[in-house]
């Protein structure tokens, strides 16, 4: 149950501020920089990638 709760909170953070959600899950790796770039180019692509990056692992 704790994993599901943490995953829900991570997804909620990713919807509000996509790079922060990815940073909290993966650190300052390539996933973070891709998400940051996509968020600058458009907020919706950043959200989609952040949710993908968080749920991928």
N, C-alpha and C. Protein backbone atom coordinates (compact mmCIF):
# COMPACT_ATOMS: atom_id res chain seq x y z
N UNK A 1 0.82 -1.19 0.00
CA UNK A 1 0.00 0.00 0.00
C UNK A 1 0.86 1.26 0.00
N UNK A 2 1.99 1.22 0.68
CA UNK A 2 2.85 2.40 0.74
C UNK A 2 3.41 2.74 -0.64
N UNK A 3 3.72 1.74 -1.45
CA UNK A 3 4.22 2.00 -2.79
C UNK A 3 3.19 2.71 -3.65
N UNK A 4 1.95 2.29 -3.57
CA UNK A 4 0.89 2.95 -4.34
C UNK A 4 0.68 4.38 -3.92
N UNK A 5 0.77 4.65 -2.63
CA UNK A 5 0.60 6.00 -2.13
C UNK A 5 1.74 6.89 -2.61
N UNK A 6 2.96 6.41 -2.51
CA UNK A 6 4.10 7.20 -2.96
C UNK A 6 4.01 7.44 -4.46
N UNK A 7 3.56 6.46 -5.21
CA UNK A 7 3.43 6.61 -6.64
C UNK A 7 2.37 7.66 -6.98
N UNK A 8 1.26 7.67 -6.26
CA UNK A 8 0.22 8.67 -6.48
C UNK A 8 0.73 10.07 -6.17
N UNK A 9 1.47 10.21 -5.10
CA UNK A 9 2.02 11.52 -4.74
C UNK A 9 3.04 11.97 -5.78
N UNK A 10 3.86 11.04 -6.26
CA UNK A 10 4.83 11.37 -7.30
C UNK A 10 4.13 11.84 -8.57
N UNK A 11 3.06 11.18 -8.95
CA UNK A 11 2.32 11.56 -10.15
C UNK A 11 1.65 12.92 -9.96
N UNK A 12 1.12 13.16 -8.79
CA UNK A 12 0.51 14.47 -8.51
C UNK A 12 1.55 15.59 -8.61
N UNK A 13 2.72 15.37 -8.06
CA UNK A 13 3.80 16.36 -8.16
C UNK A 13 4.20 16.54 -9.62
N UNK A 14 4.22 15.45 -10.38
CA UNK A 14 4.60 15.52 -11.79
C UNK A 14 3.58 16.32 -12.61
N UNK A 15 2.32 16.29 -12.22
CA UNK A 15 1.31 17.07 -12.92
C UNK A 15 1.46 18.55 -12.59
N UNK A 16 1.76 18.86 -11.35
CA UNK A 16 1.89 20.26 -10.94
C UNK A 16 3.18 20.87 -11.47
N UNK A 17 4.30 20.18 -11.27
CA UNK A 17 5.61 20.66 -11.71
C UNK A 17 6.42 19.46 -12.21
N UNK A 18 6.33 19.16 -13.51
CA UNK A 18 6.91 17.93 -14.05
C UNK A 18 8.39 17.69 -13.74
N UNK A 19 9.29 18.68 -13.90
CA UNK A 19 10.70 18.38 -13.62
C UNK A 19 10.96 18.02 -12.15
N UNK A 20 10.20 18.61 -11.24
CA UNK A 20 10.38 18.30 -9.83
C UNK A 20 10.01 16.84 -9.54
N UNK A 21 8.93 16.36 -10.13
CA UNK A 21 8.54 14.97 -9.93
C UNK A 21 9.60 14.00 -10.42
N UNK A 22 10.17 14.29 -11.58
CA UNK A 22 11.20 13.43 -12.14
C UNK A 22 12.48 13.54 -11.30
N UNK A 23 12.81 14.74 -10.84
CA UNK A 23 14.01 14.92 -10.02
C UNK A 23 13.90 14.15 -8.70
N UNK A 24 12.74 14.17 -8.08
CA UNK A 24 12.56 13.45 -6.82
C UNK A 24 12.66 11.94 -7.01
N UNK A 25 12.28 11.45 -8.17
CA UNK A 25 12.31 10.01 -8.43
C UNK A 25 13.67 9.54 -8.94
N UNK A 26 14.29 10.31 -9.85
CA UNK A 26 15.51 9.84 -10.54
C UNK A 26 16.74 10.67 -10.25
N UNK A 27 16.62 11.79 -9.60
CA UNK A 27 17.78 12.65 -9.37
C UNK A 27 18.06 13.50 -10.60
N UNK A 28 19.28 13.95 -10.71
CA UNK A 28 19.65 14.89 -11.78
C UNK A 28 20.24 14.14 -12.98
N UNK A 29 19.59 13.10 -13.40
CA UNK A 29 20.05 12.31 -14.54
C UNK A 29 19.48 12.82 -15.84
N UNK A 30 19.62 12.01 -16.88
CA UNK A 30 19.14 12.44 -18.19
C UNK A 30 17.62 12.55 -18.25
N UNK A 31 16.90 11.78 -17.42
CA UNK A 31 15.44 11.90 -17.40
C UNK A 31 15.00 13.29 -16.98
N UNK A 32 15.69 13.84 -15.98
CA UNK A 32 15.36 15.19 -15.51
C UNK A 32 15.56 16.23 -16.60
N UNK A 33 16.70 16.15 -17.30
CA UNK A 33 17.00 17.17 -18.31
C UNK A 33 16.05 17.07 -19.50
N UNK A 34 15.68 15.85 -19.87
CA UNK A 34 14.70 15.68 -20.96
C UNK A 34 13.37 16.28 -20.54
N UNK A 35 12.95 16.02 -19.31
CA UNK A 35 11.69 16.54 -18.81
C UNK A 35 11.72 18.07 -18.73
N UNK A 36 12.83 18.62 -18.29
CA UNK A 36 12.96 20.07 -18.21
C UNK A 36 12.85 20.71 -19.60
N UNK A 37 13.52 20.13 -20.57
CA UNK A 37 13.46 20.63 -21.94
C UNK A 37 12.04 20.54 -22.49
N UNK A 38 11.39 19.40 -22.30
CA UNK A 38 10.03 19.25 -22.79
C UNK A 38 9.06 20.20 -22.09
N UNK A 39 9.29 20.48 -20.82
CA UNK A 39 8.43 21.41 -20.10
C UNK A 39 8.61 22.83 -20.62
N UNK A 40 9.85 23.20 -20.95
CA UNK A 40 10.07 24.52 -21.54
C UNK A 40 9.43 24.64 -22.92
N UNK A 41 9.46 23.56 -23.69
CA UNK A 41 8.88 23.59 -25.03
C UNK A 41 7.35 23.55 -24.99
N UNK A 42 6.81 22.93 -23.98
CA UNK A 42 5.36 22.85 -23.82
C UNK A 42 5.02 22.12 -22.54
N UNK A 43 4.12 22.65 -21.80
CA UNK A 43 3.82 22.09 -20.47
C UNK A 43 3.25 20.67 -20.56
N UNK A 44 2.37 20.43 -21.51
CA UNK A 44 1.72 19.11 -21.65
C UNK A 44 2.74 18.02 -22.01
N UNK A 45 3.65 18.22 -22.97
CA UNK A 45 4.66 17.18 -23.22
C UNK A 45 5.53 16.90 -21.99
N UNK A 46 5.80 17.91 -21.20
CA UNK A 46 6.56 17.72 -19.97
C UNK A 46 5.82 16.84 -18.98
N UNK A 47 4.51 17.06 -18.85
CA UNK A 47 3.69 16.24 -17.96
C UNK A 47 3.65 14.79 -18.45
N UNK A 48 3.45 14.61 -19.73
CA UNK A 48 3.36 13.25 -20.28
C UNK A 48 4.67 12.50 -20.06
N UNK A 49 5.80 13.16 -20.34
CA UNK A 49 7.08 12.49 -20.14
C UNK A 49 7.35 12.23 -18.67
N UNK A 50 6.99 13.17 -17.80
CA UNK A 50 7.22 12.99 -16.37
C UNK A 50 6.44 11.78 -15.84
N UNK A 51 5.20 11.66 -16.23
CA UNK A 51 4.41 10.50 -15.79
C UNK A 51 5.00 9.21 -16.34
N UNK A 52 5.44 9.25 -17.59
CA UNK A 52 6.08 8.07 -18.18
C UNK A 52 7.36 7.70 -17.43
N UNK A 53 8.20 8.71 -17.15
CA UNK A 53 9.48 8.45 -16.48
C UNK A 53 9.28 7.94 -15.05
N UNK A 54 8.25 8.41 -14.38
CA UNK A 54 8.01 7.99 -13.01
C UNK A 54 7.43 6.58 -12.96
N UNK A 55 6.55 6.26 -13.86
CA UNK A 55 5.91 4.93 -13.82
C UNK A 55 6.71 3.87 -14.58
N UNK A 56 7.73 4.28 -15.33
CA UNK A 56 8.51 3.32 -16.12
C UNK A 56 9.26 2.36 -15.22
N UNK A 57 9.78 2.80 -14.10
CA UNK A 57 10.63 1.97 -13.24
C UNK A 57 9.87 1.42 -12.07
